[in-house]
PDB file of N, CA and C in Angstrom:
ATOM      1  N   MET A   1    -144.281 -74.986-113.247  1.00  0.00           N
ATOM      2  CA  MET A   1    -143.367 -74.632-114.290  1.00  0.00           C
ATOM      3  C   MET A   1    -141.998 -75.202-113.936  1.00  0.00           C
ATOM      4  N   GLU A   2    -141.258 -75.558-114.946  1.00  0.00           N
ATOM      5  CA  GLU A   2    -139.898 -76.068-114.735  1.00  0.00           C
ATOM      6  C   GLU A   2    -138.896 -75.039-115.224  1.00  0.00           C
ATOM      7  N   PHE A   3    -137.803 -74.912-114.482  1.00  0.00           N
ATOM      8  CA  PHE A   3    -136.711 -74.019-114.874  1.00  0.00           C
ATOM      9  C   PHE A   3    -135.451 -74.867-114.949  1.00  0.00           C
ATOM     10  N   TYR A   4    -134.725 -74.737-116.060  1.00  0.00           N
ATOM     11  CA  TYR A   4    -133.534 -75.561-116.270  1.00  0.00           C
ATOM     12  C   TYR A   4    -132.258 -74.764-116.044  1.00  0.00           C
ATOM     13  N   LEU A   5    -131.447 -75.242-115.108  1.00  0.00           N
ATOM     14  CA  LEU A   5    -130.160 -74.619-114.793  1.00  0.00           C
ATOM     15  C   LEU A   5    -129.119 -74.962-115.844  1.00  0.00           C
ATOM     16  N   LYS A   6    -128.317 -73.976-116.199  1.00  0.00           N
ATOM     17  CA  LYS A   6    -127.158 -74.231-117.052  1.00  0.00           C
ATOM     18  C   LYS A   6    -125.933 -74.469-116.179  1.00  0.00           C
ATOM     19  N   ASP A   7    -125.894 -73.794-115.023  1.00  0.00           N
ATOM     20  CA  ASP A   7    -124.787 -73.924-114.075  1.00  0.00           C
ATOM     21  C   ASP A   7    -125.251 -74.757-112.884  1.00  0.00           C
ATOM     22  N   ASP A   8    -124.440 -74.794-111.841  1.00  0.00           N
ATOM     23  CA  ASP A   8    -124.789 -75.595-110.665  1.00  0.00           C
ATOM     24  C   ASP A   8    -125.905 -74.969-109.830  1.00  0.00           C
ATOM     25  N   PHE A   9    -126.036 -73.629-109.883  1.00  0.00           N
ATOM     26  CA  PHE A   9    -127.058 -72.942-109.095  1.00  0.00           C
ATOM     27  C   PHE A   9    -127.408 -71.614-109.748  1.00  0.00           C
ATOM     28  N   ILE A  10    -128.486 -71.016-109.254  1.00  0.00           N
ATOM     29  CA  ILE A  10    -128.878 -69.656-109.634  1.00  0.00           C
ATOM     30  C   ILE A  10    -129.339 -68.974-108.353  1.00  0.00           C
ATOM     31  N   LYS A  11    -129.085 -67.699-108.233  1.00  0.00           N
ATOM     32  CA  LYS A  11    -129.533 -66.971-107.044  1.00  0.00           C
ATOM     33  C   LYS A  11    -131.035 -66.718-107.158  1.00  0.00           C
ATOM     34  N   LEU A  12    -131.681 -66.679-106.012  1.00  0.00           N
ATOM     35  CA  LEU A  12    -133.142 -66.589-105.960  1.00  0.00           C
ATOM     36  C   LEU A  12    -133.681 -65.386-106.738  1.00  0.00           C
ATOM     37  N   GLY A  13    -133.115 -64.221-106.533  1.00  0.00           N
ATOM     38  CA  GLY A  13    -133.574 -63.032-107.249  1.00  0.00           C
ATOM     39  C   GLY A  13    -133.440 -63.190-108.748  1.00  0.00           C
ATOM     40  N   GLN A  14    -132.340 -63.784-109.185  1.00  0.00           N
ATOM     41  CA  GLN A  14    -132.115 -64.013-110.618  1.00  0.00           C
ATOM     42  C   GLN A  14    -133.126 -65.010-111.173  1.00  0.00           C
ATOM     43  N   LEU A  15    -133.470 -66.008-110.383  1.00  0.00           N
ATOM     44  CA  LEU A  15    -134.452 -67.006-110.821  1.00  0.00           C
ATOM     45  C   LEU A  15    -135.815 -66.365-111.055  1.00  0.00           C
ATOM     46  N   LEU A  16    -136.251 -65.521-110.135  1.00  0.00           N
ATOM     47  CA  LEU A  16    -137.548 -64.862-110.298  1.00  0.00           C
ATOM     48  C   LEU A  16    -137.576 -64.022-111.567  1.00  0.00           C
ATOM     49  N   LYS A  17    -136.461 -63.350-111.850  1.00  0.00           N
ATOM     50  CA  LYS A  17    -136.367 -62.563-113.078  1.00  0.00           C
ATOM     51  C   LYS A  17    -136.346 -63.459-114.314  1.00  0.00           C
ATOM     52  N   ALA A  18    -135.517 -64.502-114.288  1.00  0.00           N
ATOM     53  CA  ALA A  18    -135.365 -65.400-115.439  1.00  0.00           C
ATOM     54  C   ALA A  18    -136.669 -66.133-115.758  1.00  0.00           C
ATOM     55  N   ALA A  19    -137.474 -66.400-114.734  1.00  0.00           N
ATOM     56  CA  ALA A  19    -138.752 -67.093-114.931  1.00  0.00           C
ATOM     57  C   ALA A  19    -139.881 -66.108-115.271  1.00  0.00           C
ATOM     58  N   ASN A  20    -139.520 -64.836-115.444  1.00  0.00           N
ATOM     59  CA  ASN A  20    -140.481 -63.783-115.784  1.00  0.00           C
ATOM     60  C   ASN A  20    -141.593 -63.604-114.752  1.00  0.00           C
ATOM     61  N   LEU A  21    -141.249 -63.827-113.484  1.00  0.00           N
ATOM     62  CA  LEU A  21    -142.230 -63.621-112.415  1.00  0.00           C
ATOM     63  C   LEU A  21    -142.152 -62.219-111.836  1.00  0.00           C
ATOM     64  N   VAL A  22    -141.039 -61.532-112.055  1.00  0.00           N
ATOM     65  CA  VAL A  22    -140.880 -60.124-111.684  1.00  0.00           C
ATOM     66  C   VAL A  22    -140.229 -59.412-112.867  1.00  0.00           C
ATOM     67  N   GLU A  23    -140.389 -58.087-112.906  1.00  0.00           N
ATOM     68  CA  GLU A  23    -139.853 -57.333-114.037  1.00  0.00           C
ATOM     69  C   GLU A  23    -138.359 -57.060-113.924  1.00  0.00           C
ATOM     70  N   ASN A  24    -137.889 -56.858-112.676  1.00  0.00           N
ATOM     71  CA  ASN A  24    -136.473 -56.511-112.518  1.00  0.00           C
ATOM     72  C   ASN A  24    -135.967 -56.947-111.153  1.00  0.00           C
ATOM     73  N   GLY A  25    -134.683 -56.733-110.956  1.00  0.00           N
ATOM     74  CA  GLY A  25    -134.055 -57.160-109.708  1.00  0.00           C
ATOM     75  C   GLY A  25    -134.591 -56.439-108.489  1.00  0.00           C
ATOM     76  N   ALA A  26    -134.955 -55.174-108.649  1.00  0.00           N
ATOM     77  CA  ALA A  26    -135.502 -54.421-107.515  1.00  0.00           C
ATOM     78  C   ALA A  26    -136.832 -55.014-107.063  1.00  0.00           C
ATOM     79  N   ASP A  27    -137.681 -55.383-108.024  1.00  0.00           N
ATOM     80  CA  ASP A  27    -138.960 -56.015-107.671  1.00  0.00           C
ATOM     81  C   ASP A  27    -138.713 -57.329-106.932  1.00  0.00           C
ATOM     82  N   ALA A  28    -137.761 -58.107-107.418  1.00  0.00           N
ATOM     83  CA  ALA A  28    -137.430 -59.378-106.771  1.00  0.00           C
ATOM     84  C   ALA A  28    -136.981 -59.139-105.334  1.00  0.00           C
ATOM     85  N   LYS A  29    -136.112 -58.159-105.156  1.00  0.00           N
ATOM     86  CA  LYS A  29    -135.582 -57.839-103.820  1.00  0.00           C
ATOM     87  C   LYS A  29    -136.719 -57.552-102.839  1.00  0.00           C
ATOM     88  N   PHE A  30    -137.656 -56.687-103.234  1.00  0.00           N
ATOM     89  CA  PHE A  30    -138.737 -56.303-102.320  1.00  0.00           C
ATOM     90  C   PHE A  30    -139.709 -57.447-102.063  1.00  0.00           C
ATOM     91  N   GLU A  31    -140.010 -58.233-103.069  1.00  0.00           N
ATOM     92  CA  GLU A  31    -140.914 -59.367-102.881  1.00  0.00           C
ATOM     93  C   GLU A  31    -140.299 -60.397-101.928  1.00  0.00           C
ATOM     94  N   ILE A  32    -138.997 -60.615-102.062  1.00  0.00           N
ATOM     95  CA  ILE A  32    -138.296 -61.561-101.186  1.00  0.00           C
ATOM     96  C   ILE A  32    -138.241 -61.010 -99.765  1.00  0.00           C
ATOM     97  N   GLN A  33    -137.874 -59.738 -99.620  1.00  0.00           N
ATOM     98  CA  GLN A  33    -137.790 -59.116 -98.296  1.00  0.00           C
ATOM     99  C   GLN A  33    -139.139 -59.098 -97.584  1.00  0.00           C
ATOM    100  N   ASP A  34    -140.220 -59.016 -98.356  1.00  0.00           N
ATOM    101  CA  ASP A  34    -141.563 -58.991 -97.777  1.00  0.00           C
ATOM    102  C   ASP A  34    -142.075 -60.375 -97.405  1.00  0.00           C
ATOM    103  N   GLY A  35    -141.250 -61.412 -97.599  1.00  0.00           N
ATOM    104  CA  GLY A  35    -141.626 -62.768 -97.194  1.00  0.00           C
ATOM    105  C   GLY A  35    -142.629 -63.435 -98.110  1.00  0.00           C
ATOM    106  N   LYS A  36    -142.649 -63.040 -99.387  1.00  0.00           N
ATOM    107  CA  LYS A  36    -143.618 -63.588-100.329  1.00  0.00           C
ATOM    108  C   LYS A  36    -143.088 -64.754-101.142  1.00  0.00           C
ATOM    109  N   VAL A  37    -141.827 -65.145-100.905  1.00  0.00           N
ATOM    110  CA  VAL A  37    -141.203 -66.207-101.698  1.00  0.00           C
ATOM    111  C   VAL A  37    -140.840 -67.377-100.780  1.00  0.00           C
ATOM    112  N   PHE A  38    -141.171 -68.570-101.224  1.00  0.00           N
ATOM    113  CA  PHE A  38    -140.892 -69.786-100.458  1.00  0.00           C
ATOM    114  C   PHE A  38    -139.915 -70.662-101.228  1.00  0.00           C
ATOM    115  N   VAL A  39    -138.953 -71.226-100.513  1.00  0.00           N
ATOM    116  CA  VAL A  39    -138.010 -72.183-101.095  1.00  0.00           C
ATOM    117  C   VAL A  39    -138.142 -73.470-100.297  1.00  0.00           C
ATOM    118  N   ASN A  40    -138.525 -74.523-100.979  1.00  0.00           N
ATOM    119  CA  ASN A  40    -138.726 -75.831-100.341  1.00  0.00           C
ATOM    120  C   ASN A  40    -139.640 -75.738 -99.119  1.00  0.00           C
ATOM    121  N   GLY A  41    -140.709 -74.946 -99.255  1.00  0.00           N
ATOM    122  CA  GLY A  41    -141.720 -74.857 -98.211  1.00  0.00           C
ATOM    123  C   GLY A  41    -141.434 -73.868 -97.102  1.00  0.00           C
ATOM    124  N   GLU A  42    -140.290 -73.214 -97.123  1.00  0.00           N
ATOM    125  CA  GLU A  42    -139.918 -72.257 -96.083  1.00  0.00           C
ATOM    126  C   GLU A  42    -139.825 -70.854 -96.677  1.00  0.00           C
ATOM    127  N   VAL A  43    -140.284 -69.854 -95.912  1.00  0.00           N
ATOM    128  CA  VAL A  43    -140.140 -68.471 -96.364  1.00  0.00           C
ATOM    129  C   VAL A  43    -138.647 -68.160 -96.483  1.00  0.00           C
ATOM    130  N   GLU A  44    -138.270 -67.526 -97.567  1.00  0.00           N
ATOM    131  CA  GLU A  44    -136.854 -67.174 -97.788  1.00  0.00           C
ATOM    132  C   GLU A  44    -136.739 -65.659 -97.922  1.00  0.00           C
ATOM    133  N   TYR A  45    -135.831 -65.060 -97.140  1.00  0.00           N
ATOM    134  CA  TYR A  45    -135.648 -63.611 -97.137  1.00  0.00           C
ATOM    135  C   TYR A  45    -134.351 -63.174 -97.810  1.00  0.00           C
ATOM    136  N   GLN A  46    -133.537 -64.119 -98.281  1.00  0.00           N
ATOM    137  CA  GLN A  46    -132.250 -63.787 -98.881  1.00  0.00           C
ATOM    138  C   GLN A  46    -132.344 -63.801-100.401  1.00  0.00           C
ATOM    139  N   ARG A  47    -132.169 -62.642-101.006  1.00  0.00           N
ATOM    140  CA  ARG A  47    -132.208 -62.545-102.472  1.00  0.00           C
ATOM    141  C   ARG A  47    -131.089 -63.371-103.098  1.00  0.00           C
ATOM    142  N   GLY A  48    -129.952 -63.467-102.398  1.00  0.00           N
ATOM    143  CA  GLY A  48    -128.795 -64.190-102.915  1.00  0.00           C
ATOM    144  C   GLY A  48    -128.779 -65.674-102.591  1.00  0.00           C
ATOM    145  N   LYS A  49    -129.866 -66.175-102.019  1.00  0.00           N
ATOM    146  CA  LYS A  49    -129.956 -67.607-101.692  1.00  0.00           C
ATOM    147  C   LYS A  49    -129.696 -68.433-102.948  1.00  0.00           C
ATOM    148  N   LYS A  50    -128.787 -69.383-102.850  1.00  0.00           N
ATOM    149  CA  LYS A  50    -128.463 -70.231-104.000  1.00  0.00           C
ATOM    150  C   LYS A  50    -129.533 -71.311-104.166  1.00  0.00           C
ATOM    151  N   ILE A  51    -130.059 -71.395-105.370  1.00  0.00           N
ATOM    152  CA  ILE A  51    -131.100 -72.366-105.705  1.00  0.00           C
ATOM    153  C   ILE A  51    -130.470 -73.441-106.584  1.00  0.00           C
ATOM    154  N   TYR A  52    -130.635 -74.687-106.165  1.00  0.00           N
ATOM    155  CA  TYR A  52    -130.004 -75.822-106.839  1.00  0.00           C
ATOM    156  C   TYR A  52    -131.055 -76.726-107.484  1.00  0.00           C
ATOM    157  N   LYS A  53    -130.581 -77.687-108.254  1.00  0.00           N
ATOM    158  CA  LYS A  53    -131.432 -78.713-108.867  1.00  0.00           C
ATOM    159  C   LYS A  53    -132.327 -79.348-107.798  1.00  0.00           C
ATOM    160  N   ASP A  54    -133.566 -79.563-108.151  1.00  0.00           N
ATOM    161  CA  ASP A  54    -134.593 -80.185-107.311  1.00  0.00           C
ATOM    162  C   ASP A  54    -135.183 -79.267-106.251  1.00  0.00           C
ATOM    163  N   ASP A  55    -134.713 -78.012-106.159  1.00  0.00           N
ATOM    164  CA  ASP A  55    -135.359 -77.061-105.254  1.00  0.00           C
ATOM    165  C   ASP A  55    -136.706 -76.665-105.856  1.00  0.00           C
ATOM    166  N   ILE A  56    -137.641 -76.304-104.977  1.00  0.00           N
ATOM    167  CA  ILE A  56    -138.965 -75.851-105.408  1.00  0.00           C
ATOM    168  C   ILE A  56    -139.183 -74.458-104.844  1.00  0.00           C
ATOM    169  N   VAL A  57    -139.445 -73.525-105.741  1.00  0.00           N
ATOM    170  CA  VAL A  57    -139.661 -72.127-105.365  1.00  0.00           C
ATOM    171  C   VAL A  57    -141.119 -71.786-105.643  1.00  0.00           C
ATOM    172  N   LYS A  58    -141.781 -71.177-104.661  1.00  0.00           N
ATOM    173  CA  LYS A  58    -143.173 -70.767-104.832  1.00  0.00           C
ATOM    174  C   LYS A  58    -143.265 -69.263-104.629  1.00  0.00           C
ATOM    175  N   TYR A  59    -143.988 -68.631-105.570  1.00  0.00           N
ATOM    176  CA  TYR A  59    -144.180 -67.192-105.494  1.00  0.00           C
ATOM    177  C   TYR A  59    -145.454 -66.824-106.246  1.00  0.00           C
ATOM    178  N   ASN A  60    -146.317 -66.085-105.590  1.00  0.00           N
ATOM    179  CA  ASN A  60    -147.503 -65.518-106.231  1.00  0.00           C
ATOM    180  C   ASN A  60    -148.343 -66.575-106.965  1.00  0.00           C
ATOM    181  N   GLY A  61    -148.536 -67.706-106.332  1.00  0.00           N
ATOM    182  CA  GLY A  61    -149.354 -68.763-106.918  1.00  0.00           C
ATOM    183  C   GLY A  61    -148.646 -69.618-107.961  1.00  0.00           C
ATOM    184  N   GLN A  62    -147.402 -69.309-108.241  1.00  0.00           N
ATOM    185  CA  GLN A  62    -146.617 -70.079-109.211  1.00  0.00           C
ATOM    186  C   GLN A  62    -145.630 -70.982-108.474  1.00  0.00           C
ATOM    187  N   GLU A  63    -145.410 -72.152-109.022  1.00  0.00           N
ATOM    188  CA  GLU A  63    -144.419 -73.071-108.461  1.00  0.00           C
ATOM    189  C   GLU A  63    -143.376 -73.344-109.530  1.00  0.00           C
ATOM    190  N   ILE A  64    -142.118 -73.161-109.150  1.00  0.00           N
ATOM    191  CA  ILE A  64    -141.010 -73.412-110.067  1.00  0.00           C
ATOM    192  C   ILE A  64    -140.230 -74.607-109.543  1.00  0.00           C
ATOM    193  N   VAL A  65    -140.127 -75.642-110.356  1.00  0.00           N
ATOM    194  CA  VAL A  65    -139.315 -76.803-110.028  1.00  0.00           C
ATOM    195  C   VAL A  65    -138.006 -76.652-110.808  1.00  0.00           C
ATOM    196  N   VAL A  66    -136.899 -76.637-110.087  1.00  0.00           N
ATOM    197  CA  VAL A  66    -135.600 -76.388-110.711  1.00  0.00           C
ATOM    198  C   VAL A  66    -134.970 -77.714-111.147  1.00  0.00           C
ATOM    199  N   LYS A  67    -134.591 -77.764-112.414  1.00  0.00           N
ATOM    200  CA  LYS A  67    -133.972 -78.956-113.004  1.00  0.00           C
ATOM    201  C   LYS A  67    -132.594 -78.577-113.541  1.00  0.00           C
ATOM    202  N   LYS A  68    -131.809 -79.557-113.858  1.00  0.00           N
ATOM    203  CA  LYS A  68    -130.485 -79.329-114.441  1.00  0.00           C
ATOM    204  C   LYS A  68    -130.490 -79.828-115.874  1.00  0.00           C
ATOM    205  N   ILE A  69    -129.925 -79.010-116.775  1.00  0.00           N
ATOM    206  CA  ILE A  69    -129.842 -79.412-118.184  1.00  0.00           C
ATOM    207  C   ILE A  69    -128.968 -80.639-118.314  1.00  0.00           C
TER     208      ILE A  69
END
């Protein structure tokens, strides 16, 4: 799936919510803290991690490729 940024970046927790992969910010927080989210092939534990154009986020069998509008 592709996600298009309007700004220069989006925080990881916000991306999971915006891509409809979690229902709310609390779910995103726990999934990230539990080591279930990967950014560019590495486990990411920071909900506030800034995600930029060309980053690849993987979660629960889904892959999000981040693009810029």
